[in-house]
Amino acid sequence: MLVVFVLMLVIEFYRLWQKSFRKTFWLIFGMVLRHKELYDFTGATYLFFSSMICIAFFPPEITFFALCFLSLGDTSAAMIGLNFGKRKYKNSNKTLEGSLACFLVCFIFALCFKADPVIALIGALGATLAEASKLSIDDNIKIPVFSALLMTITGIFV
């Protein structure tokens, strides 16, 4: 994974430094990229980085839930928040409805896959708090790392 990640970083830096490569990259992958990713790393690079961190430092079950919380919780927060969100947090584009969707999806998912209910609850809360936070760290890093850390700490005491 480390070799692939280094290759991804080389491509990312080359893309950011070389205008002609950036245009070619955008032509090929532009349909799946957000506009902000034109001048920043792609979400895939952040996801790969957080996956490596979780795999290296957390147990497999915790890593599984943390990465699923990112894919399912963040997606549901965005879909529900954008389509049904009415109550925005102060100075943020995040909504209470999106956060509730994130929490419910993460919690129910963890329970369906036989996680300890307390660990599932803490992990879902951690993913939700990370998703709703104003930290300027990409969600693809915040959500899995923070939820995995909380689930690991909770597992020590439960």
C-alpha atoms as a PDB file:
ATOM      1  CA  MET A   1       0.000   0.000   0.000  1.00  0.00           C
ATOM      2  CA  LEU A   2       2.859   2.341   0.768  1.00  0.00           C
ATOM      3  CA  VAL A   3       4.262   1.969  -2.755  1.00  0.00           C
ATOM      4  CA  VAL A   4       0.871   2.763  -4.302  1.00  0.00           C
ATOM      5  CA  PHE A   5       0.469   5.740  -1.979  1.00  0.00           C
ATOM      6  CA  VAL A   6       3.883   7.129  -2.945  1.00  0.00           C
ATOM      7  CA  LEU A   7       2.937   6.694  -6.620  1.00  0.00           C
ATOM      8  CA  MET A   8      -0.324   8.555  -5.964  1.00  0.00           C
ATOM      9  CA  LEU A   9       1.607  11.391  -4.314  1.00  0.00           C
ATOM     10  CA  VAL A  10       4.001  11.639  -7.258  1.00  0.00           C
ATOM     11  CA  ILE A  11       1.054  11.885  -9.652  1.00  0.00           C
ATOM     12  CA  GLU A  12      -0.693  14.438  -7.416  1.00  0.00           C
ATOM     13  CA  PHE A  13       2.348  16.697  -7.122  1.00  0.00           C
ATOM     14  CA  TYR A  14       3.098  16.419 -10.820  1.00  0.00           C
ATOM     15  CA  ARG A  15      -0.516  17.294 -11.588  1.00  0.00           C
ATOM     16  CA  LEU A  16      -0.392  20.322  -9.284  1.00  0.00           C
ATOM     17  CA  TRP A  17       2.941  21.578 -10.678  1.00  0.00           C
ATOM     18  CA  GLN A  18       2.446  20.925 -14.398  1.00  0.00           C
ATOM     19  CA  LYS A  19      -0.401  22.859 -15.974  1.00  0.00           C
ATOM     20  CA  SER A  20      -0.521  20.673 -19.094  1.00  0.00           C
ATOM     21  CA  PHE A  21      -0.718  17.470 -17.028  1.00  0.00           C
ATOM     22  CA  ARG A  22      -3.394  19.089 -14.826  1.00  0.00           C
ATOM     23  CA  LYS A  23      -5.535  19.754 -17.919  1.00  0.00           C
ATOM     24  CA  THR A  24      -5.070  16.191 -19.170  1.00  0.00           C
ATOM     25  CA  PHE A  25      -5.861  14.797 -15.712  1.00  0.00           C
ATOM     26  CA  TRP A  26      -9.011  16.959 -15.564  1.00  0.00           C
ATOM     27  CA  LEU A  27     -10.116  15.787 -19.024  1.00  0.00           C
ATOM     28  CA  ILE A  28      -9.755  12.150 -17.979  1.00  0.00           C
ATOM     29  CA  PHE A  29     -11.066  12.301 -14.400  1.00  0.00           C
ATOM     30  CA  GLY A  30     -12.970  15.600 -14.342  1.00  0.00           C
ATOM     31  CA  MET A  31     -16.388  13.946 -14.262  1.00  0.00           C
ATOM     32  CA  VAL A  32     -15.665  12.337 -10.886  1.00  0.00           C
ATOM     33  CA  LEU A  33     -13.714  15.210  -9.307  1.00  0.00           C
ATOM     34  CA  ARG A  34     -14.949  18.222  -7.415  1.00  0.00           C
ATOM     35  CA  HIS A  35     -13.862  21.644  -8.623  1.00  0.00           C
ATOM     36  CA  LYS A  36     -11.764  22.225  -5.487  1.00  0.00           C
ATOM     37  CA  GLU A  37      -9.724  19.125  -6.379  1.00  0.00           C
ATOM     38  CA  LEU A  38      -8.299  20.954  -9.379  1.00  0.00           C
ATOM     39  CA  TYR A  39      -5.800  22.717  -7.067  1.00  0.00           C
ATOM     40  CA  ASP A  40      -5.716  20.274  -4.136  1.00  0.00           C
ATOM     41  CA  PHE A  41      -5.227  16.563  -3.627  1.00  0.00           C
ATOM     42  CA  THR A  42      -8.099  14.384  -4.724  1.00  0.00           C
ATOM     43  CA  GLY A  43     -10.364  12.729  -2.192  1.00  0.00           C
ATOM     44  CA  ALA A  44      -8.957   9.368  -3.296  1.00  0.00           C
ATOM     45  CA  THR A  45      -5.488  10.347  -2.093  1.00  0.00           C
ATOM     46  CA  TYR A  46      -6.834  11.402   1.298  1.00  0.00           C
ATOM     47  CA  LEU A  47      -8.863   8.185   1.506  1.00  0.00           C
ATOM     48  CA  PHE A  48      -5.850   6.047   0.690  1.00  0.00           C
ATOM     49  CA  PHE A  49      -3.794   7.872   3.328  1.00  0.00           C
ATOM     50  CA  SER A  50      -6.416   7.370   6.048  1.00  0.00           C
ATOM     51  CA  SER A  51      -6.829   3.720   5.021  1.00  0.00           C
ATOM     52  CA  MET A  52      -3.100   3.149   5.494  1.00  0.00           C
ATOM     53  CA  ILE A  53      -3.194   4.861   8.911  1.00  0.00           C
ATOM     54  CA  CYS A  54      -6.162   2.769  10.047  1.00  0.00           C
ATOM     55  CA  ILE A  55      -4.704  -0.500   8.758  1.00  0.00           C
ATOM     56  CA  ALA A  56      -1.330   0.229  10.373  1.00  0.00           C
ATOM     57  CA  PHE A  57      -2.548   1.340  13.799  1.00  0.00           C
ATOM     58  CA  PHE A  58      -5.967  -0.187  14.499  1.00  0.00           C
ATOM     59  CA  PRO A  59      -7.385  -3.725  14.704  1.00  0.00           C
ATOM     60  CA  PRO A  60      -8.988  -5.079  11.504  1.00  0.00           C
ATOM     61  CA  GLU A  61     -12.563  -4.930  12.835  1.00  0.00           C
ATOM     62  CA  ILE A  62     -12.145  -1.303  13.941  1.00  0.00           C
ATOM     63  CA  THR A  63     -10.567  -0.420  10.577  1.00  0.00           C
ATOM     64  CA  PHE A  64     -13.474  -2.064   8.761  1.00  0.00           C
ATOM     65  CA  PHE A  65     -16.053  -0.032  10.677  1.00  0.00           C
ATOM     66  CA  ALA A  66     -14.082   3.221  10.459  1.00  0.00           C
ATOM     67  CA  LEU A  67     -13.728   3.014   6.675  1.00  0.00           C
ATOM     68  CA  CYS A  68     -17.365   1.977   6.260  1.00  0.00           C
ATOM     69  CA  PHE A  69     -18.404   4.905   8.450  1.00  0.00           C
ATOM     70  CA  LEU A  70     -16.610   7.175   6.021  1.00  0.00           C
ATOM     71  CA  SER A  71     -18.180   5.741   2.899  1.00  0.00           C
ATOM     72  CA  LEU A  72     -21.692   5.266   4.266  1.00  0.00           C
ATOM     73  CA  GLY A  73     -21.941   8.007   6.897  1.00  0.00           C
ATOM     74  CA  ASP A  74     -20.337  10.824   4.934  1.00  0.00           C
ATOM     75  CA  THR A  75     -22.360   9.952   1.841  1.00  0.00           C
ATOM     76  CA  SER A  76     -25.649   9.835   3.737  1.00  0.00           C
ATOM     77  CA  ALA A  77     -24.822  13.107   5.517  1.00  0.00           C
ATOM     78  CA  ALA A  78     -24.205  14.800   2.181  1.00  0.00           C
ATOM     79  CA  MET A  79     -27.273  13.341   0.470  1.00  0.00           C
ATOM     80  CA  ILE A  80     -29.685  14.081   3.310  1.00  0.00           C
ATOM     81  CA  GLY A  81     -28.071  17.400   4.228  1.00  0.00           C
ATOM     82  CA  LEU A  82     -28.147  18.753   0.674  1.00  0.00           C
ATOM     83  CA  ASN A  83     -31.650  17.521  -0.128  1.00  0.00           C
ATOM     84  CA  PHE A  84     -33.483  17.868   3.181  1.00  0.00           C
ATOM     85  CA  GLY A  85     -31.229  19.942   5.411  1.00  0.00           C
ATOM     86  CA  LYS A  86     -32.964  22.958   6.920  1.00  0.00           C
ATOM     87  CA  ARG A  87     -31.017  23.572  10.153  1.00  0.00           C
ATOM     88  CA  LYS A  88     -27.455  24.654   9.336  1.00  0.00           C
ATOM     89  CA  TYR A  89     -24.782  24.856  11.973  1.00  0.00           C
ATOM     90  CA  LYS A  90     -23.505  28.349  12.661  1.00  0.00           C
ATOM     91  CA  ASN A  91     -20.896  29.453  10.074  1.00  0.00           C
ATOM     92  CA  SER A  92     -21.044  26.096   8.303  1.00  0.00           C
ATOM     93  CA  ASN A  93     -22.667  24.418   5.313  1.00  0.00           C
ATOM     94  CA  LYS A  94     -23.311  21.280   7.414  1.00  0.00           C
ATOM     95  CA  THR A  95     -26.829  20.557   8.636  1.00  0.00           C
ATOM     96  CA  LEU A  96     -28.374  18.866  11.643  1.00  0.00           C
ATOM     97  CA  GLU A  97     -30.344  16.588   9.330  1.00  0.00           C
ATOM     98  CA  GLY A  98     -27.160  15.483   7.578  1.00  0.00           C
ATOM     99  CA  SER A  99     -25.471  14.798  10.903  1.00  0.00           C
ATOM    100  CA  LEU A 100     -28.425  12.746  12.122  1.00  0.00           C
ATOM    101  CA  ALA A 101     -28.347  10.720   8.898  1.00  0.00           C
ATOM    102  CA  CYS A 102     -24.619  10.119   9.344  1.00  0.00           C
ATOM    103  CA  PHE A 103     -25.092   8.951  12.925  1.00  0.00           C
ATOM    104  CA  LEU A 104     -28.050   6.667  12.216  1.00  0.00           C
ATOM    105  CA  VAL A 105     -26.480   5.030   9.179  1.00  0.00           C
ATOM    106  CA  CYS A 106     -23.168   4.423  10.978  1.00  0.00           C
ATOM    107  CA  PHE A 107     -24.801   3.127  14.160  1.00  0.00           C
ATOM    108  CA  ILE A 108     -27.269   0.822  12.415  1.00  0.00           C
ATOM    109  CA  PHE A 109     -24.549  -0.466  10.066  1.00  0.00           C
ATOM    110  CA  ALA A 110     -22.255  -1.326  12.990  1.00  0.00           C
ATOM    111  CA  LEU A 111     -25.069  -3.080  14.857  1.00  0.00           C
ATOM    112  CA  CYS A 112     -25.985  -5.091  11.747  1.00  0.00           C
ATOM    113  CA  PHE A 113     -22.392  -6.307  11.521  1.00  0.00           C
ATOM    114  CA  LYS A 114     -22.389  -7.442  15.145  1.00  0.00           C
ATOM    115  CA  ALA A 115     -20.297  -4.692  16.691  1.00  0.00           C
ATOM    116  CA  ASP A 116     -20.515  -4.293  20.451  1.00  0.00           C
ATOM    117  CA  PRO A 117     -23.396  -1.791  20.947  1.00  0.00           C
ATOM    118  CA  VAL A 118     -21.278   0.570  23.051  1.00  0.00           C
ATOM    119  CA  ILE A 119     -18.431   0.544  20.540  1.00  0.00           C
ATOM    120  CA  ALA A 120     -20.953   1.012  17.712  1.00  0.00           C
ATOM    121  CA  LEU A 121     -22.481   3.988  19.511  1.00  0.00           C
ATOM    122  CA  ILE A 122     -19.141   5.656  20.263  1.00  0.00           C
ATOM    123  CA  GLY A 123     -17.831   4.983  16.748  1.00  0.00           C
ATOM    124  CA  ALA A 124     -20.972   6.411  15.138  1.00  0.00           C
ATOM    125  CA  LEU A 125     -20.804   9.466  17.401  1.00  0.00           C
ATOM    126  CA  GLY A 126     -17.131   9.920  16.563  1.00  0.00           C
ATOM    127  CA  ALA A 127     -17.786   9.688  12.823  1.00  0.00           C
ATOM    128  CA  THR A 128     -20.663  12.153  13.131  1.00  0.00           C
ATOM    129  CA  LEU A 129     -18.669  14.651  15.178  1.00  0.00           C
ATOM    130  CA  ALA A 130     -15.733  14.402  12.762  1.00  0.00           C
ATOM    131  CA  GLU A 131     -18.033  14.888   9.767  1.00  0.00           C
ATOM    132  CA  ALA A 132     -19.736  17.921  11.310  1.00  0.00           C
ATOM    133  CA  SER A 133     -16.565  19.514  12.683  1.00  0.00           C
ATOM    134  CA  LYS A 134     -15.024  22.634  11.220  1.00  0.00           C
ATOM    135  CA  LEU A 135     -11.488  21.238  11.340  1.00  0.00           C
ATOM    136  CA  SER A 136      -9.779  22.025   8.061  1.00  0.00           C
ATOM    137  CA  ILE A 137      -8.718  18.395   7.633  1.00  0.00           C
ATOM    138  CA  ASP A 138     -10.372  16.503   4.792  1.00  0.00           C
ATOM    139  CA  ASP A 139     -13.350  14.337   5.849  1.00  0.00           C
ATOM    140  CA  ASN A 140     -11.662  11.337   4.226  1.00  0.00           C
ATOM    141  CA  ILE A 141      -9.038  11.561   6.969  1.00  0.00           C
ATOM    142  CA  LYS A 142     -11.065  12.943   9.898  1.00  0.00           C
ATOM    143  CA  ILE A 143     -13.916  10.458   9.903  1.00  0.00           C
ATOM    144  CA  PRO A 144     -12.095   7.105   9.812  1.00  0.00           C
ATOM    145  CA  VAL A 145      -9.148   8.102  12.002  1.00  0.00           C
ATOM    146  CA  PHE A 146     -11.237   9.819  14.686  1.00  0.00           C
ATOM    147  CA  SER A 147     -13.906   7.103  14.822  1.00  0.00           C
ATOM    148  CA  ALA A 148     -11.248   4.343  14.877  1.00  0.00           C
ATOM    149  CA  LEU A 149      -9.409   6.086  17.695  1.00  0.00           C
ATOM    150  CA  LEU A 150     -12.591   6.432  19.769  1.00  0.00           C
ATOM    151  CA  MET A 151     -13.677   2.833  19.118  1.00  0.00           C
ATOM    152  CA  THR A 152     -10.216   1.550  20.090  1.00  0.00           C
ATOM    153  CA  ILE A 153     -10.181   3.550  23.331  1.00  0.00           C
ATOM    154  CA  THR A 154     -13.730   2.434  24.108  1.00  0.00           C
ATOM    155  CA  GLY A 155     -12.779  -1.193  23.425  1.00  0.00           C
ATOM    156  CA  ILE A 156     -10.108  -0.960  26.115  1.00  0.00           C
ATOM    157  CA  PHE A 157     -12.722  -0.115  28.755  1.00  0.00           C
ATOM    158  CA  VAL A 158     -15.677  -2.198  27.526  1.00  0.00           C
END
